[in-house]
Structure formats: structure tokens, C-alpha cells
Amino acid sequence: MRQVVLNIVIAFLWVLFQDEESFKISTFFAGYLIGLIVIYILHRFFGQQFYLRKVWVAIKFLAVYLYQLITSSMTTINYILFKTKEMNPGLVTYETKLASDWEVSFLTILIIITPGSTVIRISKKKQKFFIHAIDVSEKEKKKLLKSIQQYEGLILEVTE
């Protein structure tokens, strides 16, 4: 948060030092870019990682989630319309590396929002998920576990 505030202050100072008669967004943007360069060079002294890295991870997270949402929705629609007799619903267990309540809750929400699967129970130690899936054949089970691992990896990347 300190890096963002400092970057905005640098941008405003840049606008003030340009001695223009009115505020111009292009001058502010140039100051913001200069601030990004300065903060990137000095970010090690803040004791934090560069703040745009988290923005990039958030964008990547959104892209992965939207991809998973679309593909799982299409799979679920396919099962409902064409493969109702071939469905093999059942339970899948997944052990997580996430530690905090926030991380576990977020992963739970992501699993629940994704069509075709829902979390039924979480163990008391918050390390094991019991997930009901629309199809637990080997192929579909691997796809589900892979998508959960992707979510988990992105959550770990965001929270580090």
C-alpha cells in the first residue's frame, strides 16, 4: 500500500514541477510511469515485493478462473443435455497446502462457484476437502483436481 501511495505522490509532484497552467492527465501519467521506475529500483528497501506484481497475479488469476468457469460450464451443459445416463456422481477428496482461514475459504468459494462440483465438508484441521462432483471417472477426476491445484497455486501466489 505504501508503494501505491508513494507512486501517486511522485506523479503529483511531477505535475507540480512541470509548471503547467492546468492539470493535464498526460503529465500525471508520465509522472506515474517515472514513479513506477523509481519504486521498482527502490522496492527492495521497502521490505516488500514490487506492487505491480500483485496486480499481474490478480489479472492472471481472473483469466484462469474465467477459463475454468467457461470450460466447466460447457462440460456441465454437455452432461445435462447429452450424457445424463453416463453421469457418475460421487465424492472426491483433496488435500490442500493452504494454511489460513482466508485462503481455505477462498478456495472453497472457487470450487463451489465452478459448475459441476461443490464442497460438502472441510476437515477440522482445514487440510482436506470433501468435494461432490458431477462425474468422478478417472479423466474427469484428474481435470477437477488439476483445476483445484491451479486455484490453490494462484491463491498461494497472491498471498505470499
N, C-alpha and C. Protein backbone atom coordinates (compact mmCIF):
# COMPACT_ATOMS: atom_id res chain seq x y z
N MET A 1 0.83 -1.19 0.00
CA MET A 1 0.00 0.00 0.00
C MET A 1 0.87 1.25 0.00
N ARG A 2 1.98 1.18 0.73
CA ARG A 2 2.88 2.34 0.77
C ARG A 2 3.44 2.65 -0.60
N GLN A 3 3.71 1.63 -1.38
CA GLN A 3 4.27 1.84 -2.71
C GLN A 3 3.27 2.55 -3.63
N VAL A 4 2.01 2.19 -3.53
CA VAL A 4 0.98 2.83 -4.37
C VAL A 4 0.86 4.31 -4.01
N VAL A 5 0.79 4.60 -2.71
CA VAL A 5 0.68 5.99 -2.26
C VAL A 5 1.90 6.78 -2.70
N LEU A 6 3.07 6.22 -2.53
CA LEU A 6 4.30 6.90 -2.95
C LEU A 6 4.30 7.15 -4.45
N ASN A 7 3.83 6.20 -5.22
CA ASN A 7 3.78 6.38 -6.67
C ASN A 7 2.84 7.51 -7.06
N ILE A 8 1.69 7.62 -6.41
CA ILE A 8 0.76 8.70 -6.69
C ILE A 8 1.34 10.05 -6.26
N VAL A 9 2.03 10.08 -5.12
CA VAL A 9 2.68 11.32 -4.68
C VAL A 9 3.74 11.75 -5.69
N ILE A 10 4.53 10.82 -6.18
CA ILE A 10 5.55 11.14 -7.19
C ILE A 10 4.88 11.70 -8.44
N ALA A 11 3.76 11.12 -8.84
CA ALA A 11 3.05 11.60 -10.04
C ALA A 11 2.54 13.03 -9.83
N PHE A 12 1.97 13.32 -8.65
CA PHE A 12 1.50 14.68 -8.37
C PHE A 12 2.66 15.67 -8.30
N LEU A 13 3.76 15.25 -7.70
CA LEU A 13 4.93 16.13 -7.66
C LEU A 13 5.45 16.41 -9.08
N TRP A 14 5.42 15.42 -9.92
CA TRP A 14 5.83 15.60 -11.31
C TRP A 14 4.94 16.65 -12.00
N VAL A 15 3.63 16.57 -11.74
CA VAL A 15 2.70 17.55 -12.32
C VAL A 15 3.02 18.95 -11.80
N LEU A 16 3.29 19.06 -10.50
CA LEU A 16 3.61 20.38 -9.92
C LEU A 16 4.91 20.95 -10.46
N PHE A 17 5.91 20.11 -10.64
CA PHE A 17 7.21 20.59 -11.11
C PHE A 17 7.22 20.95 -12.60
N GLN A 18 6.21 20.51 -13.33
CA GLN A 18 6.16 20.84 -14.75
C GLN A 18 5.72 22.28 -14.98
N ASP A 19 5.16 22.92 -13.98
CA ASP A 19 4.76 24.33 -14.03
C ASP A 19 3.84 24.60 -15.22
N GLU A 20 2.85 23.76 -15.38
CA GLU A 20 1.86 23.96 -16.43
C GLU A 20 0.70 24.75 -15.85
N GLU A 21 -0.07 25.41 -16.71
CA GLU A 21 -1.15 26.27 -16.22
C GLU A 21 -2.35 25.48 -15.73
N SER A 22 -2.53 24.26 -16.21
CA SER A 22 -3.65 23.43 -15.76
C SER A 22 -3.16 21.99 -15.58
N PHE A 23 -3.96 21.25 -14.85
CA PHE A 23 -3.65 19.84 -14.61
C PHE A 23 -3.90 19.07 -15.90
N LYS A 24 -2.89 18.33 -16.35
CA LYS A 24 -3.02 17.51 -17.55
C LYS A 24 -2.82 16.06 -17.18
N ILE A 25 -3.73 15.24 -17.64
CA ILE A 25 -3.66 13.82 -17.33
C ILE A 25 -2.42 13.18 -17.94
N SER A 26 -1.99 13.68 -19.09
CA SER A 26 -0.80 13.12 -19.73
C SER A 26 0.45 13.37 -18.87
N THR A 27 0.53 14.54 -18.24
CA THR A 27 1.66 14.83 -17.36
C THR A 27 1.60 13.95 -16.11
N PHE A 28 0.40 13.77 -15.57
CA PHE A 28 0.24 12.89 -14.42
C PHE A 28 0.65 11.46 -14.78
N PHE A 29 0.24 10.99 -15.95
CA PHE A 29 0.58 9.65 -16.40
C PHE A 29 2.10 9.49 -16.56
N ALA A 30 2.74 10.52 -17.13
CA ALA A 30 4.20 10.47 -17.26
C ALA A 30 4.86 10.42 -15.88
N GLY A 31 4.36 11.20 -14.94
CA GLY A 31 4.88 11.15 -13.57
C GLY A 31 4.65 9.81 -12.91
N TYR A 32 3.50 9.20 -13.22
CA TYR A 32 3.20 7.88 -12.67
C TYR A 32 4.19 6.85 -13.20
N LEU A 33 4.50 6.92 -14.49
CA LEU A 33 5.47 6.00 -15.08
C LEU A 33 6.87 6.22 -14.49
N ILE A 34 7.24 7.45 -14.29
CA ILE A 34 8.54 7.74 -13.66
C ILE A 34 8.55 7.20 -12.23
N GLY A 35 7.43 7.38 -11.53
CA GLY A 35 7.31 6.82 -10.18
C GLY A 35 7.43 5.31 -10.17
N LEU A 36 6.84 4.64 -11.18
CA LEU A 36 6.97 3.19 -11.28
C LEU A 36 8.43 2.77 -11.40
N ILE A 37 9.17 3.49 -12.23
CA ILE A 37 10.59 3.16 -12.42
C ILE A 37 11.35 3.36 -11.12
N VAL A 38 11.10 4.49 -10.44
CA VAL A 38 11.80 4.78 -9.19
C VAL A 38 11.47 3.73 -8.13
N ILE A 39 10.19 3.40 -8.01
CA ILE A 39 9.77 2.43 -6.98
C ILE A 39 10.30 1.03 -7.32
N TYR A 40 10.34 0.70 -8.60
CA TYR A 40 10.88 -0.61 -8.97
C TYR A 40 12.36 -0.71 -8.58
N ILE A 41 13.10 0.36 -8.79
CA ILE A 41 14.52 0.36 -8.43
C ILE A 41 14.69 0.27 -6.92
N LEU A 42 13.81 0.92 -6.17
CA LEU A 42 13.97 1.01 -4.71
C LEU A 42 13.08 0.05 -3.91
N HIS A 43 12.32 -0.81 -4.57
CA HIS A 43 11.36 -1.63 -3.83
C HIS A 43 12.01 -2.58 -2.82
N ARG A 44 13.24 -2.93 -3.02
CA ARG A 44 13.91 -3.82 -2.05
C ARG A 44 14.07 -3.15 -0.69
N PHE A 45 14.16 -1.83 -0.69
CA PHE A 45 14.34 -1.11 0.56
C PHE A 45 13.03 -0.96 1.34
N PHE A 46 11.90 -1.23 0.70
CA PHE A 46 10.61 -1.18 1.38
C PHE A 46 10.35 -2.46 2.17
N GLY A 47 11.10 -3.49 1.88
CA GLY A 47 10.87 -4.77 2.54
C GLY A 47 9.66 -5.50 1.97
N GLN A 48 9.23 -5.11 0.77
CA GLN A 48 8.09 -5.73 0.12
C GLN A 48 8.44 -5.99 -1.34
N GLN A 49 7.63 -6.82 -1.97
CA GLN A 49 7.83 -7.02 -3.40
C GLN A 49 7.18 -5.86 -4.16
N PHE A 50 7.55 -5.70 -5.40
CA PHE A 50 7.04 -4.62 -6.24
C PHE A 50 5.53 -4.78 -6.38
N TYR A 51 4.78 -3.71 -6.17
CA TYR A 51 3.32 -3.83 -6.06
C TYR A 51 2.63 -4.20 -7.37
N LEU A 52 3.20 -3.92 -8.51
CA LEU A 52 2.56 -4.31 -9.76
C LEU A 52 2.59 -5.81 -9.99
N ARG A 53 3.45 -6.51 -9.26
CA ARG A 53 3.47 -7.97 -9.37
C ARG A 53 2.15 -8.55 -8.87
N LYS A 54 1.59 -8.00 -7.80
CA LYS A 54 0.31 -8.48 -7.30
C LYS A 54 -0.82 -8.17 -8.27
N VAL A 55 -0.72 -7.03 -8.94
CA VAL A 55 -1.73 -6.70 -9.95
C VAL A 55 -1.67 -7.72 -11.08
N TRP A 56 -0.46 -8.07 -11.51
CA TRP A 56 -0.30 -9.07 -12.56
C TRP A 56 -0.86 -10.42 -12.13
N VAL A 57 -0.59 -10.81 -10.90
CA VAL A 57 -1.10 -12.09 -10.39
C VAL A 57 -2.63 -12.07 -10.33
N ALA A 58 -3.21 -10.94 -9.95
CA ALA A 58 -4.67 -10.82 -9.91
C ALA A 58 -5.27 -10.96 -11.31
N ILE A 59 -4.63 -10.35 -12.31
CA ILE A 59 -5.11 -10.47 -13.69
C ILE A 59 -4.99 -11.92 -14.17
N LYS A 60 -3.87 -12.55 -13.85
CA LYS A 60 -3.67 -13.95 -14.22
C LYS A 60 -4.71 -14.84 -13.53
N PHE A 61 -4.98 -14.56 -12.27
CA PHE A 61 -5.97 -15.31 -11.51
C PHE A 61 -7.35 -15.19 -12.15
N LEU A 62 -7.72 -13.98 -12.53
CA LEU A 62 -9.02 -13.76 -13.16
C LEU A 62 -9.12 -14.52 -14.49
N ALA A 63 -8.05 -14.50 -15.27
CA ALA A 63 -8.05 -15.20 -16.56
C ALA A 63 -8.20 -16.71 -16.36
N VAL A 64 -7.46 -17.28 -15.41
CA VAL A 64 -7.56 -18.72 -15.15
C VAL A 64 -8.95 -19.08 -14.65
N TYR A 65 -9.50 -18.25 -13.75
CA TYR A 65 -10.83 -18.54 -13.22
C TYR A 65 -11.89 -18.48 -14.33
N LEU A 66 -11.83 -17.46 -15.17
CA LEU A 66 -12.82 -17.36 -16.24
C LEU A 66 -12.72 -18.54 -17.21
N TYR A 67 -11.49 -18.95 -17.52
CA TYR A 67 -11.30 -20.11 -18.38
C TYR A 67 -11.91 -21.36 -17.74
N GLN A 68 -11.62 -21.58 -16.47
CA GLN A 68 -12.15 -22.75 -15.76
C GLN A 68 -13.67 -22.69 -15.69
N LEU A 69 -14.22 -21.51 -15.45
CA LEU A 69 -15.66 -21.35 -15.35
C LEU A 69 -16.34 -21.68 -16.68
N ILE A 70 -15.80 -21.19 -17.77
CA ILE A 70 -16.39 -21.44 -19.08
C ILE A 70 -16.28 -22.92 -19.45
N THR A 71 -15.10 -23.51 -19.26
CA THR A 71 -14.95 -24.92 -19.64
C THR A 71 -15.80 -25.85 -18.77
N SER A 72 -15.87 -25.58 -17.48
CA SER A 72 -16.69 -26.44 -16.62
C SER A 72 -18.17 -26.23 -16.89
N SER A 73 -18.57 -25.02 -17.24
CA SER A 73 -19.97 -24.78 -17.60
C SER A 73 -20.35 -25.55 -18.85
N MET A 74 -19.46 -25.54 -19.84
CA MET A 74 -19.72 -26.28 -21.07
C MET A 74 -19.78 -27.79 -20.80
N THR A 75 -18.91 -28.27 -19.94
CA THR A 75 -18.92 -29.70 -19.60
C THR A 75 -20.22 -30.07 -18.89
N THR A 76 -20.64 -29.23 -17.96
CA THR A 76 -21.87 -29.49 -17.22
C THR A 76 -23.08 -29.46 -18.16
N ILE A 77 -23.13 -28.50 -19.06
CA ILE A 77 -24.21 -28.43 -20.03
C ILE A 77 -24.21 -29.67 -20.92
N ASN A 78 -23.04 -30.12 -21.31
CA ASN A 78 -22.91 -31.33 -22.13
C ASN A 78 -23.47 -32.55 -21.39
N TYR A 79 -23.15 -32.66 -20.10
CA TYR A 79 -23.67 -33.78 -19.32
C TYR A 79 -25.19 -33.72 -19.21
N ILE A 80 -25.70 -32.53 -18.96
CA ILE A 80 -27.14 -32.39 -18.77
C ILE A 80 -27.90 -32.70 -20.05
N LEU A 81 -27.40 -32.22 -21.18
CA LEU A 81 -28.13 -32.38 -22.44
C LEU A 81 -27.92 -33.74 -23.10
N PHE A 82 -26.71 -34.27 -23.01
CA PHE A 82 -26.40 -35.44 -23.83
C PHE A 82 -25.96 -36.69 -23.05
N LYS A 83 -25.46 -36.53 -21.86
CA LYS A 83 -24.86 -37.69 -21.17
C LYS A 83 -25.49 -37.96 -19.81
N THR A 84 -26.77 -37.74 -19.65
CA THR A 84 -27.37 -37.93 -18.33
C THR A 84 -27.28 -39.38 -17.85
N LYS A 85 -27.28 -40.32 -18.77
CA LYS A 85 -27.19 -41.73 -18.37
C LYS A 85 -25.75 -42.15 -18.08
N GLU A 86 -24.79 -41.36 -18.56
CA GLU A 86 -23.38 -41.69 -18.35
C GLU A 86 -22.79 -41.00 -17.12
N MET A 87 -23.59 -40.19 -16.45
CA MET A 87 -23.06 -39.47 -15.28
C MET A 87 -22.66 -40.44 -14.19
N ASN A 88 -21.58 -40.10 -13.51
CA ASN A 88 -21.07 -40.93 -12.43
C ASN A 88 -20.76 -40.01 -11.24
N PRO A 89 -21.80 -39.47 -10.57
CA PRO A 89 -21.55 -38.54 -9.47
C PRO A 89 -20.92 -39.25 -8.28
N GLY A 90 -20.14 -38.51 -7.54
CA GLY A 90 -19.51 -39.10 -6.37
C GLY A 90 -18.66 -38.10 -5.61
N LEU A 91 -17.95 -38.59 -4.62
CA LEU A 91 -17.11 -37.74 -3.77
C LEU A 91 -15.64 -37.86 -4.14
N VAL A 92 -14.96 -36.74 -4.03
CA VAL A 92 -13.53 -36.66 -4.28
C VAL A 92 -12.92 -35.98 -3.06
N THR A 93 -11.76 -36.44 -2.62
CA THR A 93 -11.06 -35.75 -1.53
C THR A 93 -9.86 -35.02 -2.11
N TYR A 94 -9.57 -33.89 -1.50
CA TYR A 94 -8.43 -33.09 -1.93
C TYR A 94 -7.72 -32.54 -0.70
N GLU A 95 -6.42 -32.79 -0.62
CA GLU A 95 -5.63 -32.26 0.49
C GLU A 95 -4.94 -30.98 0.03
N THR A 96 -5.06 -29.94 0.84
CA THR A 96 -4.54 -28.63 0.46
C THR A 96 -3.31 -28.26 1.27
N LYS A 97 -2.54 -27.32 0.73
CA LYS A 97 -1.38 -26.78 1.43
C LYS A 97 -1.70 -25.43 2.06
N LEU A 98 -2.90 -24.93 1.83
CA LEU A 98 -3.27 -23.62 2.35
C LEU A 98 -3.40 -23.67 3.86
N ALA A 99 -3.01 -22.57 4.51
CA ALA A 99 -2.96 -22.58 5.96
C ALA A 99 -4.01 -21.66 6.60
N SER A 100 -4.15 -20.47 6.10
CA SER A 100 -5.02 -19.51 6.78
C SER A 100 -6.49 -19.75 6.46
N ASP A 101 -7.34 -19.26 7.34
CA ASP A 101 -8.78 -19.40 7.13
C ASP A 101 -9.23 -18.69 5.85
N TRP A 102 -8.62 -17.53 5.59
CA TRP A 102 -8.98 -16.76 4.40
C TRP A 102 -8.68 -17.56 3.13
N GLU A 103 -7.53 -18.16 3.07
CA GLU A 103 -7.14 -18.93 1.88
C GLU A 103 -8.05 -20.13 1.68
N VAL A 104 -8.34 -20.85 2.75
CA VAL A 104 -9.21 -22.03 2.67
C VAL A 104 -10.62 -21.60 2.24
N SER A 105 -11.12 -20.50 2.81
CA SER A 105 -12.45 -20.01 2.44
C SER A 105 -12.51 -19.61 0.98
N PHE A 106 -11.47 -18.95 0.51
CA PHE A 106 -11.44 -18.51 -0.88
C PHE A 106 -11.41 -19.71 -1.83
N LEU A 107 -10.61 -20.71 -1.52
CA LEU A 107 -10.57 -21.91 -2.34
C LEU A 107 -11.93 -22.61 -2.34
N THR A 108 -12.58 -22.65 -1.19
CA THR A 108 -13.91 -23.26 -1.09
C THR A 108 -14.90 -22.53 -1.99
N ILE A 109 -14.86 -21.22 -1.95
CA ILE A 109 -15.77 -20.42 -2.79
C ILE A 109 -15.51 -20.69 -4.27
N LEU A 110 -14.25 -20.75 -4.64
CA LEU A 110 -13.92 -21.01 -6.05
C LEU A 110 -14.41 -22.38 -6.51
N ILE A 111 -14.30 -23.36 -5.65
CA ILE A 111 -14.77 -24.71 -6.01
C ILE A 111 -16.29 -24.71 -6.12
N ILE A 112 -16.96 -24.03 -5.21
CA ILE A 112 -18.42 -24.00 -5.21
C ILE A 112 -18.96 -23.25 -6.43
N ILE A 113 -18.33 -22.16 -6.81
CA ILE A 113 -18.84 -21.37 -7.94
C ILE A 113 -18.64 -22.11 -9.26
N THR A 114 -17.64 -22.95 -9.34
CA THR A 114 -17.38 -23.70 -10.57
C THR A 114 -18.48 -24.75 -10.73
N PRO A 115 -19.19 -24.73 -11.86
CA PRO A 115 -20.29 -25.69 -12.05
C PRO A 115 -19.81 -27.14 -12.07
N GLY A 116 -20.63 -28.01 -11.50
CA GLY A 116 -20.32 -29.43 -11.53
C GLY A 116 -19.64 -29.95 -10.28
N SER A 117 -19.28 -29.06 -9.36
CA SER A 117 -18.63 -29.51 -8.13
C SER A 117 -19.02 -28.59 -6.97
N THR A 118 -19.05 -29.17 -5.80
CA THR A 118 -19.34 -28.39 -4.60
C THR A 118 -18.64 -29.02 -3.40
N VAL A 119 -18.23 -28.20 -2.47
CA VAL A 119 -17.56 -28.69 -1.27
C VAL A 119 -18.63 -29.10 -0.26
N ILE A 120 -18.54 -30.33 0.18
CA ILE A 120 -19.51 -30.83 1.15
C ILE A 120 -19.01 -30.63 2.58
N ARG A 121 -17.72 -30.86 2.77
CA ARG A 121 -17.16 -30.78 4.12
C ARG A 121 -15.67 -30.45 4.04
N ILE A 122 -15.21 -29.76 5.07
CA ILE A 122 -13.79 -29.48 5.23
C ILE A 122 -13.38 -30.09 6.56
N SER A 123 -12.25 -30.77 6.58
CA SER A 123 -11.81 -31.41 7.83
C SER A 123 -11.54 -30.36 8.90
N LYS A 124 -11.50 -30.81 10.15
CA LYS A 124 -11.30 -29.88 11.27
C LYS A 124 -9.97 -29.15 11.21
N LYS A 125 -8.96 -29.81 10.67
CA LYS A 125 -7.64 -29.17 10.55
C LYS A 125 -7.53 -28.33 9.28
N LYS A 126 -8.60 -28.26 8.51
CA LYS A 126 -8.67 -27.46 7.27
C LYS A 126 -7.63 -27.89 6.24
N GLN A 127 -7.29 -29.14 6.23
CA GLN A 127 -6.32 -29.65 5.27
C GLN A 127 -6.95 -30.53 4.20
N LYS A 128 -8.17 -31.00 4.43
CA LYS A 128 -8.79 -31.94 3.50
C LYS A 128 -10.19 -31.46 3.13
N PHE A 129 -10.45 -31.42 1.82
CA PHE A 129 -11.76 -31.07 1.30
C PHE A 129 -12.46 -32.33 0.83
N PHE A 130 -13.75 -32.41 1.09
CA PHE A 130 -14.59 -33.47 0.55
C PHE A 130 -15.51 -32.80 -0.46
N ILE A 131 -15.34 -33.16 -1.74
CA ILE A 131 -16.00 -32.46 -2.84
C ILE A 131 -16.93 -33.42 -3.57
N HIS A 132 -18.15 -32.97 -3.81
CA HIS A 132 -19.07 -33.74 -4.63
C HIS A 132 -18.92 -33.25 -6.07
N ALA A 133 -18.71 -34.18 -6.98
CA ALA A 133 -18.54 -33.84 -8.40
C ALA A 133 -19.59 -34.55 -9.23
N ILE A 134 -19.93 -33.93 -10.34
CA ILE A 134 -20.95 -34.49 -11.23
C ILE A 134 -20.48 -35.77 -11.91
N ASP A 135 -19.15 -35.90 -12.06
CA ASP A 135 -18.59 -37.10 -12.67
C ASP A 135 -17.24 -37.38 -12.02
N VAL A 136 -17.08 -38.58 -11.49
CA VAL A 136 -15.82 -38.94 -10.83
C VAL A 136 -15.07 -40.02 -11.58
N SER A 137 -15.30 -40.10 -12.88
CA SER A 137 -14.48 -41.03 -13.67
C SER A 137 -13.04 -40.53 -13.61
N GLU A 138 -12.09 -41.39 -13.91
CA GLU A 138 -10.67 -41.03 -13.77
C GLU A 138 -10.31 -39.76 -14.53
N LYS A 139 -10.79 -39.66 -15.76
CA LYS A 139 -10.47 -38.49 -16.60
C LYS A 139 -11.02 -37.20 -15.98
N GLU A 140 -12.29 -37.22 -15.59
CA GLU A 140 -12.92 -36.02 -15.03
C GLU A 140 -12.37 -35.70 -13.64
N LYS A 141 -12.03 -36.72 -12.88
CA LYS A 141 -11.45 -36.51 -11.56
C LYS A 141 -10.10 -35.82 -11.68
N LYS A 142 -9.28 -36.24 -12.64
CA LYS A 142 -7.98 -35.60 -12.86
C LYS A 142 -8.15 -34.15 -13.27
N LYS A 143 -9.14 -33.87 -14.14
CA LYS A 143 -9.39 -32.49 -14.57
C LYS A 143 -9.82 -31.62 -13.39
N LEU A 144 -10.68 -32.16 -12.54
CA LEU A 144 -11.15 -31.41 -11.38
C LEU A 144 -10.00 -31.12 -10.42
N LEU A 145 -9.20 -32.13 -10.12
CA LEU A 145 -8.08 -31.94 -9.20
C LEU A 145 -7.03 -30.98 -9.78
N LYS A 146 -6.84 -31.04 -11.08
CA LYS A 146 -5.90 -30.12 -11.72
C LYS A 146 -6.37 -28.68 -11.61
N SER A 147 -7.66 -28.45 -11.82
CA SER A 147 -8.18 -27.09 -11.71
C SER A 147 -8.11 -26.59 -10.27
N ILE A 148 -8.35 -27.46 -9.31
CA ILE A 148 -8.24 -27.06 -7.90
C ILE A 148 -6.80 -26.73 -7.56
N GLN A 149 -5.86 -27.51 -8.08
CA GLN A 149 -4.44 -27.22 -7.85
C GLN A 149 -4.04 -25.89 -8.47
N GLN A 150 -4.61 -25.56 -9.64
CA GLN A 150 -4.34 -24.25 -10.25
C GLN A 150 -4.85 -23.14 -9.35
N TYR A 151 -6.06 -23.28 -8.85
CA TYR A 151 -6.62 -22.28 -7.94
C TYR A 151 -5.73 -22.13 -6.71
N GLU A 152 -5.33 -23.26 -6.15
CA GLU A 152 -4.50 -23.23 -4.94
C GLU A 152 -3.16 -22.55 -5.20
N GLY A 153 -2.55 -22.85 -6.34
CA GLY A 153 -1.28 -22.21 -6.68
C GLY A 153 -1.42 -20.70 -6.83
N LEU A 154 -2.50 -20.27 -7.46
CA LEU A 154 -2.72 -18.84 -7.62
C LEU A 154 -3.01 -18.15 -6.29
N ILE A 155 -3.76 -18.83 -5.42
CA ILE A 155 -4.03 -18.25 -4.10
C ILE A 155 -2.73 -18.11 -3.33
N LEU A 156 -1.87 -19.11 -3.39
CA LEU A 156 -0.57 -19.02 -2.72
C LEU A 156 0.28 -17.90 -3.30
N GLU A 157 0.20 -17.73 -4.61
CA GLU A 157 0.96 -16.67 -5.27
C GLU A 157 0.46 -15.28 -4.86
N VAL A 158 -0.84 -15.14 -4.70
CA VAL A 158 -1.42 -13.85 -4.30
C VAL A 158 -1.07 -13.52 -2.85
N THR A 159 -1.09 -14.52 -1.98
CA THR A 159 -0.92 -14.25 -0.56
C THR A 159 0.51 -14.26 -0.07
N GLU A 160 1.47 -14.58 -0.92
CA GLU A 160 2.87 -14.59 -0.43
C GLU A 160 3.42 -13.20 -0.29
